[in-house]
Amino acid sequence: MSSYRILSADRIFTGEKWLTGHVVLVSEGKIIDVIPESLLSSTQVAEHNDNCIVVPAFIDLQVYGANGKLLAM
């Protein structure tokens, strides 16, 4: 896991449930896994900010229409 960035938060939302005591593994800007913090070795340090949560997000940048108008055919 040494090539991963390890992020910790007070709570992590998976899209289905809230987790505590877990960390997010990130490699090359992508989330690889969410694992229990207890699986980390004593040499692995998680980056942690107090009072923060991690939640998935998706931003759809395509616009097909708005205000009653369809822009794509």
PDB file of N, CA and C in Angstrom:
ATOM      1  N   MET A   1       0.801  -1.206   0.000  1.00  0.00           N
ATOM      2  CA  MET A   1       0.000   0.000   0.000  1.00  0.00           C
ATOM      3  C   MET A   1       0.840   1.264   0.000  1.00  0.00           C
ATOM      4  N   SER A   2       2.132   1.153  -0.117  1.00  0.00           N
ATOM      5  CA  SER A   2       2.992   2.326  -0.005  1.00  0.00           C
ATOM      6  C   SER A   2       2.806   3.319  -1.153  1.00  0.00           C
ATOM      7  N   SER A   3       2.311   2.881  -2.312  1.00  0.00           N
ATOM      8  CA  SER A   3       2.117   3.799  -3.435  1.00  0.00           C
ATOM      9  C   SER A   3       0.764   4.505  -3.367  1.00  0.00           C
ATOM     10  N   TYR A   4      -0.010   4.215  -2.339  1.00  0.00           N
ATOM     11  CA  TYR A   4      -1.325   4.823  -2.186  1.00  0.00           C
ATOM     12  C   TYR A   4      -1.262   6.023  -1.266  1.00  0.00           C
ATOM     13  N   ARG A   5      -2.163   6.931  -1.474  1.00  0.00           N
ATOM     14  CA  ARG A   5      -2.405   8.007  -0.517  1.00  0.00           C
ATOM     15  C   ARG A   5      -3.535   7.507   0.375  1.00  0.00           C
ATOM     16  N   ILE A   6      -3.397   7.645   1.669  1.00  0.00           N
ATOM     17  CA  ILE A   6      -4.377   7.116   2.615  1.00  0.00           C
ATOM     18  C   ILE A   6      -5.076   8.286   3.282  1.00  0.00           C
ATOM     19  N   LEU A   7      -6.385   8.386   3.087  1.00  0.00           N
ATOM     20  CA  LEU A   7      -7.164   9.491   3.634  1.00  0.00           C
ATOM     21  C   LEU A   7      -8.126   8.977   4.699  1.00  0.00           C
ATOM     22  N   SER A   8      -8.167   9.678   5.805  1.00  0.00           N
ATOM     23  CA  SER A   8      -9.058   9.311   6.896  1.00  0.00           C
ATOM     24  C   SER A   8     -10.020  10.462   7.153  1.00  0.00           C
ATOM     25  N   ALA A   9     -11.223  10.131   7.577  1.00  0.00           N
ATOM     26  CA  ALA A   9     -12.224  11.139   7.904  1.00  0.00           C
ATOM     27  C   ALA A   9     -13.031  10.631   9.093  1.00  0.00           C
ATOM     28  N   ASP A  10     -13.729  11.534   9.749  1.00  0.00           N
ATOM     29  CA  ASP A  10     -14.571  11.122  10.869  1.00  0.00           C
ATOM     30  C   ASP A  10     -15.634  10.138  10.403  1.00  0.00           C
ATOM     31  N   ARG A  11     -16.216  10.413   9.242  1.00  0.00           N
ATOM     32  CA  ARG A  11     -17.220   9.523   8.657  1.00  0.00           C
ATOM     33  C   ARG A  11     -17.016   9.454   7.158  1.00  0.00           C
ATOM     34  N   ILE A  12     -17.281   8.296   6.582  1.00  0.00           N
ATOM     35  CA  ILE A  12     -17.185   8.089   5.138  1.00  0.00           C
ATOM     36  C   ILE A  12     -18.527   7.535   4.674  1.00  0.00           C
ATOM     37  N   PHE A  13     -19.114   8.163   3.656  1.00  0.00           N
ATOM     38  CA  PHE A  13     -20.371   7.677   3.096  1.00  0.00           C
ATOM     39  C   PHE A  13     -20.075   6.939   1.808  1.00  0.00           C
ATOM     40  N   THR A  14     -20.524   5.694   1.704  1.00  0.00           N
ATOM     41  CA  THR A  14     -20.229   4.865   0.533  1.00  0.00           C
ATOM     42  C   THR A  14     -21.264   5.015  -0.577  1.00  0.00           C
ATOM     43  N   GLY A  15     -22.319   5.759  -0.310  1.00  0.00           N
ATOM     44  CA  GLY A  15     -23.434   5.826  -1.236  1.00  0.00           C
ATOM     45  C   GLY A  15     -24.585   4.972  -0.737  1.00  0.00           C
ATOM     46  N   GLU A  16     -24.272   4.079   0.197  1.00  0.00           N
ATOM     47  CA  GLU A  16     -25.290   3.215   0.786  1.00  0.00           C
ATOM     48  C   GLU A  16     -25.294   3.270   2.311  1.00  0.00           C
ATOM     49  N   LYS A  17     -24.116   3.445   2.912  1.00  0.00           N
ATOM     50  CA  LYS A  17     -24.040   3.466   4.371  1.00  0.00           C
ATOM     51  C   LYS A  17     -22.890   4.356   4.841  1.00  0.00           C
ATOM     52  N   TRP A  18     -22.996   4.800   6.093  1.00  0.00           N
ATOM     53  CA  TRP A  18     -21.961   5.608   6.732  1.00  0.00           C
ATOM     54  C   TRP A  18     -20.980   4.692   7.445  1.00  0.00           C
ATOM     55  N   LEU A  19     -19.681   4.958   7.280  1.00  0.00           N
ATOM     56  CA  LEU A  19     -18.641   4.174   7.932  1.00  0.00           C
ATOM     57  C   LEU A  19     -17.825   5.059   8.870  1.00  0.00           C
ATOM     58  N   THR A  20     -17.436   4.518   9.990  1.00  0.00           N
ATOM     59  CA  THR A  20     -16.460   5.161  10.871  1.00  0.00           C
ATOM     60  C   THR A  20     -15.323   4.162  11.061  1.00  0.00           C
ATOM     61  N   GLY A  21     -14.135   4.664  11.363  1.00  0.00           N
ATOM     62  CA  GLY A  21     -12.994   3.773  11.558  1.00  0.00           C
ATOM     63  C   GLY A  21     -12.480   3.165  10.268  1.00  0.00           C
ATOM     64  N   HIS A  22     -12.726   3.820   9.147  1.00  0.00           N
ATOM     65  CA  HIS A  22     -12.263   3.354   7.839  1.00  0.00           C
ATOM     66  C   HIS A  22     -11.388   4.424   7.190  1.00  0.00           C
ATOM     67  N   VAL A  23     -10.639   4.025   6.179  1.00  0.00           N
ATOM     68  CA  VAL A  23      -9.814   4.955   5.406  1.00  0.00           C
ATOM     69  C   VAL A  23     -10.076   4.740   3.923  1.00  0.00           C
ATOM     70  N   VAL A  24      -9.764   5.755   3.146  1.00  0.00           N
ATOM     71  CA  VAL A  24      -9.913   5.705   1.682  1.00  0.00           C
ATOM     72  C   VAL A  24      -8.517   5.601   1.077  1.00  0.00           C
ATOM     73  N   LEU A  25      -8.325   4.637   0.194  1.00  0.00           N
ATOM     74  CA  LEU A  25      -7.050   4.484  -0.507  1.00  0.00           C
ATOM     75  C   LEU A  25      -7.179   5.125  -1.879  1.00  0.00           C
ATOM     76  N   VAL A  26      -6.247   6.031  -2.197  1.00  0.00           N
ATOM     77  CA  VAL A  26      -6.279   6.769  -3.458  1.00  0.00           C
ATOM     78  C   VAL A  26      -4.969   6.528  -4.195  1.00  0.00           C
ATOM     79  N   SER A  27      -5.071   6.199  -5.485  1.00  0.00           N
ATOM     80  CA  SER A  27      -3.894   6.019  -6.320  1.00  0.00           C
ATOM     81  C   SER A  27      -4.137   6.717  -7.649  1.00  0.00           C
ATOM     82  N   GLU A  28      -3.214   7.556  -8.049  1.00  0.00           N
ATOM     83  CA  GLU A  28      -3.305   8.301  -9.307  1.00  0.00           C
ATOM     84  C   GLU A  28      -4.623   9.058  -9.424  1.00  0.00           C
ATOM     85  N   GLY A  29      -5.058   9.645  -8.311  1.00  0.00           N
ATOM     86  CA  GLY A  29      -6.256  10.468  -8.310  1.00  0.00           C
ATOM     87  C   GLY A  29      -7.569   9.710  -8.303  1.00  0.00           C
ATOM     88  N   LYS A  30      -7.533   8.393  -8.171  1.00  0.00           N
ATOM     89  CA  LYS A  30      -8.752   7.585  -8.172  1.00  0.00           C
ATOM     90  C   LYS A  30      -8.868   6.798  -6.877  1.00  0.00           C
ATOM     91  N   ILE A  31     -10.102   6.683  -6.375  1.00  0.00           N
ATOM     92  CA  ILE A  31     -10.336   5.877  -5.184  1.00  0.00           C
ATOM     93  C   ILE A  31     -10.185   4.410  -5.560  1.00  0.00           C
ATOM     94  N   ILE A  32      -9.313   3.723  -4.857  1.00  0.00           N
ATOM     95  CA  ILE A  32      -9.042   2.314  -5.118  1.00  0.00           C
ATOM     96  C   ILE A  32      -9.875   1.419  -4.207  1.00  0.00           C
ATOM     97  N   ASP A  33      -9.984   1.820  -2.916  1.00  0.00           N
ATOM     98  CA  ASP A  33     -10.696   0.983  -1.966  1.00  0.00           C
ATOM     99  C   ASP A  33     -11.021   1.785  -0.715  1.00  0.00           C
ATOM    100  N   VAL A  34     -11.964   1.278   0.052  1.00  0.00           N
ATOM    101  CA  VAL A  34     -12.270   1.793   1.384  1.00  0.00           C
ATOM    102  C   VAL A  34     -12.110   0.605   2.318  1.00  0.00           C
ATOM    103  N   ILE A  35     -11.184   0.717   3.284  1.00  0.00           N
ATOM    104  CA  ILE A  35     -10.877  -0.412   4.156  1.00  0.00           C
ATOM    105  C   ILE A  35     -10.938   0.012   5.618  1.00  0.00           C
ATOM    106  N   PRO A  36     -11.103  -0.952   6.531  1.00  0.00           N
ATOM    107  CA  PRO A  36     -11.036  -0.617   7.955  1.00  0.00           C
ATOM    108  C   PRO A  36      -9.654  -0.085   8.315  1.00  0.00           C
ATOM    109  N   GLU A  37      -9.624   0.949   9.144  1.00  0.00           N
ATOM    110  CA  GLU A  37      -8.351   1.544   9.551  1.00  0.00           C
ATOM    111  C   GLU A  37      -7.469   0.544  10.287  1.00  0.00           C
ATOM    112  N   SER A  38      -8.072  -0.451  10.911  1.00  0.00           N
ATOM    113  CA  SER A  38      -7.321  -1.461  11.655  1.00  0.00           C
ATOM    114  C   SER A  38      -6.427  -2.316  10.754  1.00  0.00           C
ATOM    115  N   LEU A  39      -6.675  -2.318   9.448  1.00  0.00           N
ATOM    116  CA  LEU A  39      -5.839  -3.089   8.520  1.00  0.00           C
ATOM    117  C   LEU A  39      -4.523  -2.386   8.176  1.00  0.00           C
ATOM    118  N   LEU A  40      -4.386  -1.114   8.545  1.00  0.00           N
ATOM    119  CA  LEU A  40      -3.140  -0.386   8.278  1.00  0.00           C
ATOM    120  C   LEU A  40      -2.054  -0.860   9.229  1.00  0.00           C
ATOM    121  N   SER A  41      -0.829  -0.924   8.721  1.00  0.00           N
ATOM    122  CA  SER A  41       0.291  -1.254   9.598  1.00  0.00           C
ATOM    123  C   SER A  41       0.685  -0.013  10.388  1.00  0.00           C
ATOM    124  N   SER A  42       1.477  -0.188  11.398  1.00  0.00           N
ATOM    125  CA  SER A  42       1.877   0.941  12.247  1.00  0.00           C
ATOM    126  C   SER A  42       2.739   1.948  11.497  1.00  0.00           C
ATOM    127  N   THR A  43       3.313   1.569  10.350  1.00  0.00           N
ATOM    128  CA  THR A  43       4.153   2.492   9.579  1.00  0.00           C
ATOM    129  C   THR A  43       3.351   3.299   8.563  1.00  0.00           C
ATOM    130  N   GLN A  44       2.113   2.899   8.325  1.00  0.00           N
ATOM    131  CA  GLN A  44       1.275   3.618   7.368  1.00  0.00           C
ATOM    132  C   GLN A  44       0.492   4.695   8.107  1.00  0.00           C
ATOM    133  N   VAL A  45       0.588   5.919   7.604  1.00  0.00           N
ATOM    134  CA  VAL A  45      -0.064   7.046   8.264  1.00  0.00           C
ATOM    135  C   VAL A  45      -1.155   7.592   7.354  1.00  0.00           C
ATOM    136  N   ALA A  46      -2.329   7.753   7.924  1.00  0.00           N
ATOM    137  CA  ALA A  46      -3.449   8.305   7.163  1.00  0.00           C
ATOM    138  C   ALA A  46      -3.493   9.812   7.355  1.00  0.00           C
ATOM    139  N   GLU A  47      -3.749  10.537   6.255  1.00  0.00           N
ATOM    140  CA  GLU A  47      -3.981  11.978   6.348  1.00  0.00           C
ATOM    141  C   GLU A  47      -5.374  12.175   6.927  1.00  0.00           C
ATOM    142  N   HIS A  48      -5.490  12.995   7.959  1.00  0.00           N
ATOM    143  CA  HIS A  48      -6.787  13.165   8.618  1.00  0.00           C
ATOM    144  C   HIS A  48      -7.045  14.631   8.932  1.00  0.00           C
ATOM    145  N   ASN A  49      -8.255  15.072   8.647  1.00  0.00           N
ATOM    146  CA  ASN A  49      -8.708  16.402   9.040  1.00  0.00           C
ATOM    147  C   ASN A  49      -9.862  16.211  10.010  1.00  0.00           C
ATOM    148  N   ASP A  50      -9.810  16.894  11.147  1.00  0.00           N
ATOM    149  CA  ASP A  50     -10.881  16.781  12.134  1.00  0.00           C
ATOM    150  C   ASP A  50     -12.184  17.338  11.579  1.00  0.00           C
ATOM    151  N   ASN A  51     -13.276  16.759  12.031  1.00  0.00           N
ATOM    152  CA  ASN A  51     -14.630  17.211  11.688  1.00  0.00           C
ATOM    153  C   ASN A  51     -14.900  17.216  10.188  1.00  0.00           C
ATOM    154  N   CYS A  52     -14.386  16.229   9.480  1.00  0.00           N
ATOM    155  CA  CYS A  52     -14.675  16.167   8.048  1.00  0.00           C
ATOM    156  C   CYS A  52     -15.336  14.838   7.710  1.00  0.00           C
ATOM    157  N   ILE A  53     -16.048  14.843   6.587  1.00  0.00           N
ATOM    158  CA  ILE A  53     -16.673  13.631   6.068  1.00  0.00           C
ATOM    159  C   ILE A  53     -16.257  13.471   4.617  1.00  0.00           C
ATOM    160  N   VAL A  54     -16.310  12.245   4.136  1.00  0.00           N
ATOM    161  CA  VAL A  54     -16.023  11.954   2.739  1.00  0.00           C
ATOM    162  C   VAL A  54     -17.294  11.361   2.144  1.00  0.00           C
ATOM    163  N   VAL A  55     -17.737  11.934   1.013  1.00  0.00           N
ATOM    164  CA  VAL A  55     -18.928  11.433   0.321  1.00  0.00           C
ATOM    165  C   VAL A  55     -18.642  11.368  -1.172  1.00  0.00           C
ATOM    166  N   PRO A  56     -19.218  10.372  -1.862  1.00  0.00           N
ATOM    167  CA  PRO A  56     -19.026  10.318  -3.313  1.00  0.00           C
ATOM    168  C   PRO A  56     -19.808  11.442  -3.987  1.00  0.00           C
ATOM    169  N   ALA A  57     -19.288  11.898  -5.094  1.00  0.00           N
ATOM    170  CA  ALA A  57     -19.980  12.956  -5.840  1.00  0.00           C
ATOM    171  C   ALA A  57     -19.803  12.692  -7.331  1.00  0.00           C
ATOM    172  N   PHE A  58     -20.798  13.087  -8.082  1.00  0.00           N
ATOM    173  CA  PHE A  58     -20.741  12.964  -9.537  1.00  0.00           C
ATOM    174  C   PHE A  58     -21.293  14.258 -10.119  1.00  0.00           C
ATOM    175  N   ILE A  59     -20.527  14.845 -10.996  1.00  0.00           N
ATOM    176  CA  ILE A  59     -20.973  16.071 -11.648  1.00  0.00           C
ATOM    177  C   ILE A  59     -21.124  15.762 -13.131  1.00  0.00           C
ATOM    178  N   ASP A  60     -22.339  15.871 -13.630  1.00  0.00           N
ATOM    179  CA  ASP A  60     -22.607  15.635 -15.043  1.00  0.00           C
ATOM    180  C   ASP A  60     -22.493  16.974 -15.773  1.00  0.00           C
ATOM    181  N   LEU A  61     -21.461  17.116 -16.571  1.00  0.00           N
ATOM    182  CA  LEU A  61     -21.217  18.378 -17.251  1.00  0.00           C
ATOM    183  C   LEU A  61     -21.934  18.492 -18.591  1.00  0.00           C
ATOM    184  N   GLN A  62     -22.634  17.449 -19.015  1.00  0.00           N
ATOM    185  CA  GLN A  62     -23.386  17.510 -20.260  1.00  0.00           C
ATOM    186  C   GLN A  62     -24.742  18.164 -19.998  1.00  0.00           C
ATOM    187  N   VAL A  63     -25.110  19.062 -20.857  1.00  0.00           N
ATOM    188  CA  VAL A  63     -26.410  19.700 -20.758  1.00  0.00           C
ATOM    189  C   VAL A  63     -27.189  19.412 -22.025  1.00  0.00           C
ATOM    190  N   TYR A  64     -28.306  18.726 -21.890  1.00  0.00           N
ATOM    191  CA  TYR A  64     -29.139  18.394 -23.046  1.00  0.00           C
ATOM    192  C   TYR A  64     -30.310  19.347 -23.206  1.00  0.00           C
ATOM    193  N   GLY A  65     -30.545  20.127 -22.208  1.00  0.00           N
ATOM    194  CA  GLY A  65     -31.641  21.061 -22.312  1.00  0.00           C
ATOM    195  C   GLY A  65     -32.008  21.628 -20.945  1.00  0.00           C
ATOM    196  N   ALA A  66     -32.773  22.685 -20.980  1.00  0.00           N
ATOM    197  CA  ALA A  66     -33.226  23.303 -19.748  1.00  0.00           C
ATOM    198  C   ALA A  66     -34.355  24.274 -20.107  1.00  0.00           C
ATOM    199  N   ASN A  67     -35.181  24.564 -19.140  1.00  0.00           N
ATOM    200  CA  ASN A  67     -36.227  25.553 -19.310  1.00  0.00           C
ATOM    201  C   ASN A  67     -37.137  25.229 -20.495  1.00  0.00           C
ATOM    202  N   GLY A  68     -37.448  23.912 -20.651  1.00  0.00           N
ATOM    203  CA  GLY A  68     -38.360  23.518 -21.711  1.00  0.00           C
ATOM    204  C   GLY A  68     -37.739  23.387 -23.088  1.00  0.00           C
ATOM    205  N   LYS A  69     -36.445  23.553 -23.226  1.00  0.00           N
ATOM    206  CA  LYS A  69     -35.760  23.489 -24.529  1.00  0.00           C
ATOM    207  C   LYS A  69     -34.860  22.245 -24.572  1.00  0.00           C
ATOM    208  N   LEU A  70     -34.895  21.491 -25.652  1.00  0.00           N
ATOM    209  CA  LEU A  70     -34.016  20.354 -25.856  1.00  0.00           C
ATOM    210  C   LEU A  70     -32.883  20.789 -26.798  1.00  0.00           C
ATOM    211  N   LEU A  71     -31.635  20.630 -26.363  1.00  0.00           N
ATOM    212  CA  LEU A  71     -30.495  21.098 -27.146  1.00  0.00           C
ATOM    213  C   LEU A  71     -29.851  20.002 -27.998  1.00  0.00           C
ATOM    214  N   ALA A  72     -30.151  18.734 -27.689  1.00  0.00           N
ATOM    215  CA  ALA A  72     -29.551  17.626 -28.433  1.00  0.00           C
ATOM    216  C   ALA A  72     -30.618  16.929 -29.262  1.00  0.00           C
ATOM    217  N   MET A  73     -30.229  16.463 -30.410  1.00  0.00           N
ATOM    218  CA  MET A  73     -31.177  15.731 -31.271  1.00  0.00           C
ATOM    219  C   MET A  73     -30.659  14.345 -31.527  1.00  0.00           C
TER     220      MET A  73
END
